[in-house]
Structure formats: C-alpha cells, structure tokens
C-alpha cells in the first residue's frame, strides 16, 4: 500500500485467541491481515475449507467473501489481526 502525502493512517494490531471449539464469523470492512501465531485455524468460505498453521498469513480484502474461522483442535489458536 502506498501512502498519500498529507493523509494520516492508523494501524491497529490485536491478538485474538480462539479457544478449542470456538468459531467466529468474519467479513472485512477494511484491508485486514491475519498472522497465525500458534495452533491451527480452519477457515470456511462457502464450500472452501482451508487450514492455516503457525506462521501462515491471510490477506483479507475489503468487503471480501464472508467466512467463518474455527478452532477445531484441542489447543487454543492465537493470531494477530492487523487492520
């Protein structure tokens, strides 16, 4: 992303923990990047199922397809959400 002179940008970084069995419905209203710190996060968007292990990066476009993030494992999933 290139900056525009005279425009102020704000970046927010939040650590999110999904406990075993947890699910979270997500839709990006702004560009968002997720970085998996530990655990395995499962992402379902329509019929597509993807699994993200530690060090995985997800780039979620603005207004992208809504999806559900799951923790189907027995250990917590920790990820950083940057937007």
PDB file of N, CA and C in Angstrom:
ATOM      1  N   UNK A   1       0.838  -1.172   0.000  1.00  0.00           N
ATOM      2  CA  UNK A   1       0.000   0.000   0.000  1.00  0.00           C
ATOM      3  C   UNK A   1       0.877   1.226   0.000  1.00  0.00           C
ATOM      4  N   UNK A   2       0.641   2.122  -0.918  1.00  0.00           N
ATOM      5  CA  UNK A   2       1.399   3.358  -0.955  1.00  0.00           C
ATOM      6  C   UNK A   2       0.635   4.444  -0.219  1.00  0.00           C
ATOM      7  N   UNK A   3       1.359   5.249   0.533  1.00  0.00           N
ATOM      8  CA  UNK A   3       0.744   6.340   1.266  1.00  0.00           C
ATOM      9  C   UNK A   3       0.494   7.539   0.375  1.00  0.00           C
ATOM     10  N   UNK A   4      -0.449   8.354   0.802  1.00  0.00           N
ATOM     11  CA  UNK A   4      -0.776   9.579   0.098  1.00  0.00           C
ATOM     12  C   UNK A   4      -0.280  10.732   0.954  1.00  0.00           C
ATOM     13  N   UNK A   5       0.512  11.653   0.382  1.00  0.00           N
ATOM     14  CA  UNK A   5       1.006  12.788   1.166  1.00  0.00           C
ATOM     15  C   UNK A   5      -0.153  13.560   1.816  1.00  0.00           C
ATOM     16  N   UNK A   6       0.016  13.902   3.093  1.00  0.00           N
ATOM     17  CA  UNK A   6      -0.986  14.689   3.797  1.00  0.00           C
ATOM     18  C   UNK A   6      -2.125  13.871   4.395  1.00  0.00           C
ATOM     19  N   UNK A   7      -2.084  12.560   4.245  1.00  0.00           N
ATOM     20  CA  UNK A   7      -3.138  11.694   4.776  1.00  0.00           C
ATOM     21  C   UNK A   7      -2.578  10.920   5.964  1.00  0.00           C
ATOM     22  N   UNK A   8      -3.350  10.861   7.050  1.00  0.00           N
ATOM     23  CA  UNK A   8      -2.932  10.133   8.237  1.00  0.00           C
ATOM     24  C   UNK A   8      -3.531   8.737   8.213  1.00  0.00           C
ATOM     25  N   UNK A   9      -2.726   7.735   8.499  1.00  0.00           N
ATOM     26  CA  UNK A   9      -3.180   6.354   8.529  1.00  0.00           C
ATOM     27  C   UNK A   9      -3.087   5.828   9.956  1.00  0.00           C
ATOM     28  N   UNK A  10      -3.999   4.975  10.315  1.00  0.00           N
ATOM     29  CA  UNK A  10      -3.986   4.331  11.621  1.00  0.00           C
ATOM     30  C   UNK A  10      -3.920   2.827  11.397  1.00  0.00           C
ATOM     31  N   UNK A  11      -3.013   2.173  12.092  1.00  0.00           N
ATOM     32  CA  UNK A  11      -2.889   0.723  12.012  1.00  0.00           C
ATOM     33  C   UNK A  11      -3.190   0.166  13.395  1.00  0.00           C
ATOM     34  N   UNK A  12      -4.022  -0.833  13.431  1.00  0.00           N
ATOM     35  CA  UNK A  12      -4.404  -1.470  14.692  1.00  0.00           C
ATOM     36  C   UNK A  12      -3.921  -2.914  14.657  1.00  0.00           C
ATOM     37  N   UNK A  13      -3.290  -3.349  15.745  1.00  0.00           N
ATOM     38  CA  UNK A  13      -2.830  -4.734  15.870  1.00  0.00           C
ATOM     39  C   UNK A  13      -3.462  -5.308  17.136  1.00  0.00           C
ATOM     40  N   UNK A  14      -4.188  -6.405  16.972  1.00  0.00           N
ATOM     41  CA  UNK A  14      -4.874  -7.038  18.094  1.00  0.00           C
ATOM     42  C   UNK A  14      -4.535  -8.523  18.098  1.00  0.00           C
ATOM     43  N   UNK A  15      -4.265  -9.062  19.278  1.00  0.00           N
ATOM     44  CA  UNK A  15      -4.061 -10.502  19.387  1.00  0.00           C
ATOM     45  C   UNK A  15      -5.398 -11.144  19.739  1.00  0.00           C
ATOM     46  N   UNK A  16      -5.781 -12.156  18.970  1.00  0.00           N
ATOM     47  CA  UNK A  16      -7.050 -12.855  19.161  1.00  0.00           C
ATOM     48  C   UNK A  16      -6.757 -14.299  19.527  1.00  0.00           C
ATOM     49  N   UNK A  17      -7.483 -14.818  20.504  1.00  0.00           N
ATOM     50  CA  UNK A  17      -7.371 -16.225  20.879  1.00  0.00           C
ATOM     51  C   UNK A  17      -8.703 -16.911  20.620  1.00  0.00           C
ATOM     52  N   UNK A  18      -8.664 -17.995  19.872  1.00  0.00           N
ATOM     53  CA  UNK A  18      -9.845 -18.832  19.651  1.00  0.00           C
ATOM     54  C   UNK A  18      -9.644 -20.095  20.477  1.00  0.00           C
ATOM     55  N   UNK A  19     -10.477 -20.288  21.473  1.00  0.00           N
ATOM     56  CA  UNK A  19     -10.378 -21.469  22.313  1.00  0.00           C
ATOM     57  C   UNK A  19     -10.853 -22.700  21.546  1.00  0.00           C
ATOM     58  N   UNK A  20     -10.480 -23.892  21.989  1.00  0.00           N
ATOM     59  CA  UNK A  20     -10.924 -25.102  21.300  1.00  0.00           C
ATOM     60  C   UNK A  20     -12.445 -25.110  21.120  1.00  0.00           C
ATOM     61  N   UNK A  21     -12.888 -25.393  19.902  1.00  0.00           N
ATOM     62  CA  UNK A  21     -14.307 -25.428  19.588  1.00  0.00           C
ATOM     63  C   UNK A  21     -14.915 -24.081  19.228  1.00  0.00           C
ATOM     64  N   UNK A  22     -14.151 -23.002  19.368  1.00  0.00           N
ATOM     65  CA  UNK A  22     -14.685 -21.659  19.095  1.00  0.00           C
ATOM     66  C   UNK A  22     -14.822 -21.421  17.599  1.00  0.00           C
ATOM     67  N   UNK A  23     -15.754 -20.530  17.252  1.00  0.00           N
ATOM     68  CA  UNK A  23     -15.928 -20.109  15.865  1.00  0.00           C
ATOM     69  C   UNK A  23     -16.208 -18.616  15.864  1.00  0.00           C
ATOM     70  N   UNK A  24     -15.839 -17.979  14.778  1.00  0.00           N
ATOM     71  CA  UNK A  24     -16.016 -16.536  14.667  1.00  0.00           C
ATOM     72  C   UNK A  24     -16.353 -16.208  13.217  1.00  0.00           C
ATOM     73  N   UNK A  25     -17.510 -15.580  13.001  1.00  0.00           N
ATOM     74  CA  UNK A  25     -17.909 -15.158  11.658  1.00  0.00           C
ATOM     75  C   UNK A  25     -17.244 -13.827  11.359  1.00  0.00           C
ATOM     76  N   UNK A  26     -16.605 -13.723  10.190  1.00  0.00           N
ATOM     77  CA  UNK A  26     -15.837 -12.530   9.852  1.00  0.00           C
ATOM     78  C   UNK A  26     -16.144 -12.035   8.443  1.00  0.00           C
ATOM     79  N   UNK A  27     -16.167 -10.727   8.297  1.00  0.00           N
ATOM     80  CA  UNK A  27     -16.222 -10.058   6.998  1.00  0.00           C
ATOM     81  C   UNK A  27     -15.387  -8.796   7.154  1.00  0.00           C
ATOM     82  N   UNK A  28     -14.430  -8.590   6.274  1.00  0.00           N
ATOM     83  CA  UNK A  28     -13.547  -7.424   6.381  1.00  0.00           C
ATOM     84  C   UNK A  28     -14.236  -6.177   5.850  1.00  0.00           C
ATOM     85  N   UNK A  29     -14.266  -5.139   6.673  1.00  0.00           N
ATOM     86  CA  UNK A  29     -14.755  -3.837   6.223  1.00  0.00           C
ATOM     87  C   UNK A  29     -13.594  -2.977   5.738  1.00  0.00           C
ATOM     88  N   UNK A  30     -12.392  -3.429   6.045  1.00  0.00           N
ATOM     89  CA  UNK A  30     -11.176  -2.757   5.606  1.00  0.00           C
ATOM     90  C   UNK A  30     -10.127  -3.832   5.351  1.00  0.00           C
ATOM     91  N   UNK A  31      -9.066  -3.458   4.676  1.00  0.00           N
ATOM     92  CA  UNK A  31      -7.999  -4.420   4.417  1.00  0.00           C
ATOM     93  C   UNK A  31      -7.519  -4.978   5.753  1.00  0.00           C
ATOM     94  N   UNK A  32      -7.421  -6.282   5.851  1.00  0.00           N
ATOM     95  CA  UNK A  32      -7.025  -6.910   7.099  1.00  0.00           C
ATOM     96  C   UNK A  32      -6.038  -8.030   6.804  1.00  0.00           C
ATOM     97  N   UNK A  33      -5.057  -8.156   7.681  1.00  0.00           N
ATOM     98  CA  UNK A  33      -4.073  -9.230   7.581  1.00  0.00           C
ATOM     99  C   UNK A  33      -4.116 -10.010   8.889  1.00  0.00           C
ATOM    100  N   UNK A  34      -4.168 -11.325   8.776  1.00  0.00           N
ATOM    101  CA  UNK A  34      -4.126 -12.206   9.943  1.00  0.00           C
ATOM    102  C   UNK A  34      -2.844 -13.015   9.886  1.00  0.00           C
ATOM    103  N   UNK A  35      -2.178 -13.122  11.020  1.00  0.00           N
ATOM    104  CA  UNK A  35      -0.951 -13.897  11.133  1.00  0.00           C
ATOM    105  C   UNK A  35      -1.147 -14.907  12.254  1.00  0.00           C
ATOM    106  N   UNK A  36      -1.074 -16.190  11.942  1.00  0.00           N
ATOM    107  CA  UNK A  36      -1.292 -17.243  12.938  1.00  0.00           C
ATOM    108  C   UNK A  36      -0.018 -17.428  13.766  1.00  0.00           C
ATOM    109  N   UNK A  37      -0.147 -17.236  15.077  1.00  0.00           N
ATOM    110  CA  UNK A  37       0.982 -17.387  15.994  1.00  0.00           C
ATOM    111  C   UNK A  37       1.137 -18.827  16.464  1.00  0.00           C
ATOM    112  N   UNK A  38       0.010 -19.445  16.855  1.00  0.00           N
ATOM    113  CA  UNK A  38       0.065 -20.845  17.294  1.00  0.00           C
ATOM    114  C   UNK A  38      -1.290 -21.502  17.102  1.00  0.00           C
ATOM    115  N   UNK A  39      -1.267 -22.811  16.982  1.00  0.00           N
ATOM    116  CA  UNK A  39      -2.483 -23.569  16.733  1.00  0.00           C
ATOM    117  C   UNK A  39      -2.782 -23.645  15.242  1.00  0.00           C
ATOM    118  N   UNK A  40      -3.895 -24.274  14.908  1.00  0.00           N
ATOM    119  CA  UNK A  40      -4.314 -24.416  13.509  1.00  0.00           C
ATOM    120  C   UNK A  40      -5.721 -23.828  13.381  1.00  0.00           C
ATOM    121  N   UNK A  41      -5.842 -22.793  12.563  1.00  0.00           N
ATOM    122  CA  UNK A  41      -7.129 -22.158  12.326  1.00  0.00           C
ATOM    123  C   UNK A  41      -7.736 -22.720  11.048  1.00  0.00           C
ATOM    124  N   UNK A  42      -9.011 -23.068  11.101  1.00  0.00           N
ATOM    125  CA  UNK A  42      -9.736 -23.547   9.926  1.00  0.00           C
ATOM    126  C   UNK A  42     -10.623 -22.408   9.436  1.00  0.00           C
ATOM    127  N   UNK A  43     -10.609 -22.178   8.130  1.00  0.00           N
ATOM    128  CA  UNK A  43     -11.398 -21.100   7.529  1.00  0.00           C
ATOM    129  C   UNK A  43     -12.357 -21.718   6.522  1.00  0.00           C
ATOM    130  N   UNK A  44     -13.629 -21.396   6.671  1.00  0.00           N
ATOM    131  CA  UNK A  44     -14.636 -21.892   5.736  1.00  0.00           C
ATOM    132  C   UNK A  44     -15.319 -20.708   5.074  1.00  0.00           C
ATOM    133  N   UNK A  45     -15.289 -20.698   3.743  1.00  0.00           N
ATOM    134  CA  UNK A  45     -15.957 -19.681   2.940  1.00  0.00           C
ATOM    135  C   UNK A  45     -16.724 -20.433   1.862  1.00  0.00           C
ATOM    136  N   UNK A  46     -18.038 -20.506   2.017  1.00  0.00           N
ATOM    137  CA  UNK A  46     -18.817 -21.314   1.084  1.00  0.00           C
ATOM    138  C   UNK A  46     -18.429 -22.771   1.229  1.00  0.00           C
ATOM    139  N   UNK A  47     -18.095 -23.425   0.114  1.00  0.00           N
ATOM    140  CA  UNK A  47     -17.691 -24.828   0.134  1.00  0.00           C
ATOM    141  C   UNK A  47     -16.194 -25.008   0.348  1.00  0.00           C
ATOM    142  N   UNK A  48     -15.452 -23.914   0.381  1.00  0.00           N
ATOM    143  CA  UNK A  48     -13.998 -23.984   0.502  1.00  0.00           C
ATOM    144  C   UNK A  48     -13.581 -24.073   1.968  1.00  0.00           C
ATOM    145  N   UNK A  49     -12.697 -25.023   2.283  1.00  0.00           N
ATOM    146  CA  UNK A  49     -12.164 -25.205   3.633  1.00  0.00           C
ATOM    147  C   UNK A  49     -10.648 -25.133   3.552  1.00  0.00           C
ATOM    148  N   UNK A  50     -10.055 -24.212   4.314  1.00  0.00           N
ATOM    149  CA  UNK A  50      -8.598 -24.047   4.332  1.00  0.00           C
ATOM    150  C   UNK A  50      -8.113 -24.111   5.769  1.00  0.00           C
ATOM    151  N   UNK A  51      -6.895 -24.636   5.961  1.00  0.00           N
ATOM    152  CA  UNK A  51      -6.303 -24.696   7.294  1.00  0.00           C
ATOM    153  C   UNK A  51      -5.013 -23.894   7.304  1.00  0.00           C
ATOM    154  N   UNK A  52      -4.842 -23.119   8.365  1.00  0.00           N
ATOM    155  CA  UNK A  52      -3.682 -22.243   8.490  1.00  0.00           C
ATOM    156  C   UNK A  52      -2.913 -22.622   9.753  1.00  0.00           C
ATOM    157  N   UNK A  53      -1.651 -22.951   9.573  1.00  0.00           N
ATOM    158  CA  UNK A  53      -0.779 -23.337  10.678  1.00  0.00           C
ATOM    159  C   UNK A  53       0.050 -22.128  11.114  1.00  0.00           C
ATOM    160  N   UNK A  54       0.812 -22.250  12.209  1.00  0.00           N
ATOM    161  CA  UNK A  54       1.644 -21.138  12.657  1.00  0.00           C
ATOM    162  C   UNK A  54       2.527 -20.594  11.535  1.00  0.00           C
ATOM    163  N   UNK A  55       2.673 -19.289  11.503  1.00  0.00           N
ATOM    164  CA  UNK A  55       3.426 -18.512  10.510  1.00  0.00           C
ATOM    165  C   UNK A  55       2.631 -18.287   9.225  1.00  0.00           C
ATOM    166  N   UNK A  56       1.382 -18.760   9.152  1.00  0.00           N
ATOM    167  CA  UNK A  56       0.552 -18.510   7.975  1.00  0.00           C
ATOM    168  C   UNK A  56       0.051 -17.068   7.995  1.00  0.00           C
ATOM    169  N   UNK A  57      -0.042 -16.476   6.810  1.00  0.00           N
ATOM    170  CA  UNK A  57      -0.539 -15.113   6.655  1.00  0.00           C
ATOM    171  C   UNK A  57      -1.770 -15.149   5.762  1.00  0.00           C
ATOM    172  N   UNK A  58      -2.849 -14.510   6.210  1.00  0.00           N
ATOM    173  CA  UNK A  58      -4.080 -14.401   5.428  1.00  0.00           C
ATOM    174  C   UNK A  58      -4.301 -12.935   5.121  1.00  0.00           C
ATOM    175  N   UNK A  59      -4.450 -12.595   3.871  1.00  0.00           N
ATOM    176  CA  UNK A  59      -4.769 -11.224   3.475  1.00  0.00           C
ATOM    177  C   UNK A  59      -6.241 -11.202   3.099  1.00  0.00           C
ATOM    178  N   UNK A  60      -7.027 -10.451   3.854  1.00  0.00           N
ATOM    179  CA  UNK A  60      -8.466 -10.397   3.637  1.00  0.00           C
ATOM    180  C   UNK A  60      -8.826  -9.081   2.962  1.00  0.00           C
ATOM    181  N   UNK A  61      -9.345  -9.128   1.747  1.00  0.00           N
ATOM    182  CA  UNK A  61      -9.671  -7.892   1.030  1.00  0.00           C
ATOM    183  C   UNK A  61     -10.882  -7.183   1.620  1.00  0.00           C
ATOM    184  N   UNK A  62     -10.996  -5.906   1.331  1.00  0.00           N
ATOM    185  CA  UNK A  62     -12.125  -5.104   1.786  1.00  0.00           C
ATOM    186  C   UNK A  62     -13.410  -5.673   1.190  1.00  0.00           C
ATOM    187  N   UNK A  63     -14.404  -5.907   2.037  1.00  0.00           N
ATOM    188  CA  UNK A  63     -15.685  -6.409   1.564  1.00  0.00           C
ATOM    189  C   UNK A  63     -15.619  -7.777   0.920  1.00  0.00           C
ATOM    190  N   UNK A  64     -14.621  -8.550   1.275  1.00  0.00           N
ATOM    191  CA  UNK A  64     -14.459  -9.883   0.684  1.00  0.00           C
ATOM    192  C   UNK A  64     -15.574 -10.822   1.100  1.00  0.00           C
ATOM    193  N   UNK A  65     -15.494 -12.027   0.617  1.00  0.00           N
ATOM    194  CA  UNK A  65     -16.494 -13.044   0.933  1.00  0.00           C
ATOM    195  C   UNK A  65     -16.517 -13.307   2.435  1.00  0.00           C
ATOM    196  N   UNK A  66     -17.687 -13.248   3.063  1.00  0.00           N
ATOM    197  CA  UNK A  66     -17.763 -13.570   4.494  1.00  0.00           C
ATOM    198  C   UNK A  66     -17.268 -15.002   4.729  1.00  0.00           C
ATOM    199  N   UNK A  67     -16.641 -15.223   5.861  1.00  0.00           N
ATOM    200  CA  UNK A  67     -16.164 -16.566   6.180  1.00  0.00           C
ATOM    201  C   UNK A  67     -16.240 -16.796   7.669  1.00  0.00           C
ATOM    202  N   UNK A  68     -16.077 -18.040   8.055  1.00  0.00           N
ATOM    203  CA  UNK A  68     -16.078 -18.411   9.461  1.00  0.00           C
ATOM    204  C   UNK A  68     -14.721 -18.990   9.806  1.00  0.00           C
ATOM    205  N   UNK A  69     -14.145 -18.497  10.902  1.00  0.00           N
ATOM    206  CA  UNK A  69     -12.884 -19.031  11.413  1.00  0.00           C
ATOM    207  C   UNK A  69     -13.226 -19.979  12.556  1.00  0.00           C
ATOM    208  N   UNK A  70     -12.644 -21.170  12.523  1.00  0.00           N
ATOM    209  CA  UNK A  70     -12.904 -22.196  13.529  1.00  0.00           C
ATOM    210  C   UNK A  70     -11.611 -22.626  14.191  1.00  0.00           C
ATOM    211  N   UNK A  71     -11.729 -23.068  15.429  1.00  0.00           N
ATOM    212  CA  UNK A  71     -10.647 -23.800  16.063  1.00  0.00           C
ATOM    213  C   UNK A  71     -11.187 -25.196  16.314  1.00  0.00           C
ATOM    214  N   UNK A  72     -10.843 -26.117  15.439  1.00  0.00           N
ATOM    215  CA  UNK A  72     -11.327 -27.490  15.550  1.00  0.00           C
ATOM    216  C   UNK A  72     -10.352 -28.394  16.310  1.00  0.00           C
ATOM    217  N   UNK A  73      -9.320 -27.786  16.887  1.00  0.00           N
ATOM    218  CA  UNK A  73      -8.318 -28.583  17.597  1.00  0.00           C
ATOM    219  C   UNK A  73      -8.585 -28.565  19.104  1.00  0.00           C
ATOM    220  N   UNK A  74      -7.686 -29.176  19.856  1.00  0.00           N
ATOM    221  CA  UNK A  74      -7.827 -29.236  21.320  1.00  0.00           C
ATOM    222  C   UNK A  74      -6.962 -28.192  22.025  1.00  0.00           C
ATOM    223  N   UNK A  75      -6.230 -27.390  21.258  1.00  0.00           N
ATOM    224  CA  UNK A  75      -5.401 -26.328  21.836  1.00  0.00           C
ATOM    225  C   UNK A  75      -5.862 -24.977  21.293  1.00  0.00           C
ATOM    226  N   UNK A  76      -5.642 -23.885  22.033  1.00  0.00           N
ATOM    227  CA  UNK A  76      -6.043 -22.559  21.553  1.00  0.00           C
ATOM    228  C   UNK A  76      -5.307 -22.156  20.278  1.00  0.00           C
ATOM    229  N   UNK A  77      -5.982 -21.342  19.479  1.00  0.00           N
ATOM    230  CA  UNK A  77      -5.368 -20.716  18.302  1.00  0.00           C
ATOM    231  C   UNK A  77      -5.138 -19.263  18.661  1.00  0.00           C
ATOM    232  N   UNK A  78      -3.911 -18.792  18.455  1.00  0.00           N
ATOM    233  CA  UNK A  78      -3.602 -17.379  18.682  1.00  0.00           C
ATOM    234  C   UNK A  78      -3.208 -16.771  17.343  1.00  0.00           C
ATOM    235  N   UNK A  79      -3.774 -15.597  17.041  1.00  0.00           N
ATOM    236  CA  UNK A  79      -3.407 -14.913  15.810  1.00  0.00           C
ATOM    237  C   UNK A  79      -3.375 -13.415  16.018  1.00  0.00           C
ATOM    238  N   UNK A  80      -2.594 -12.737  15.201  1.00  0.00           N
ATOM    239  CA  UNK A  80      -2.575 -11.290  15.189  1.00  0.00           C
ATOM    240  C   UNK A  80      -3.488 -10.814  14.075  1.00  0.00           C
ATOM    241  N   UNK A  81      -4.315  -9.824  14.382  1.00  0.00           N
ATOM    242  CA  UNK A  81      -5.187  -9.209  13.395  1.00  0.00           C
ATOM    243  C   UNK A  81      -4.676  -7.789  13.194  1.00  0.00           C
ATOM    244  N   UNK A  82      -4.290  -7.468  11.947  1.00  0.00           N
ATOM    245  CA  UNK A  82      -3.748  -6.149  11.624  1.00  0.00           C
ATOM    246  C   UNK A  82      -4.709  -5.489  10.644  1.00  0.00           C
ATOM    247  N   UNK A  83      -5.213  -4.324  11.019  1.00  0.00           N
ATOM    248  CA  UNK A  83      -6.070  -3.579  10.089  1.00  0.00           C
ATOM    249  C   UNK A  83      -5.898  -2.096  10.280  1.00  0.00           C
TER     250      UNK A  83
END
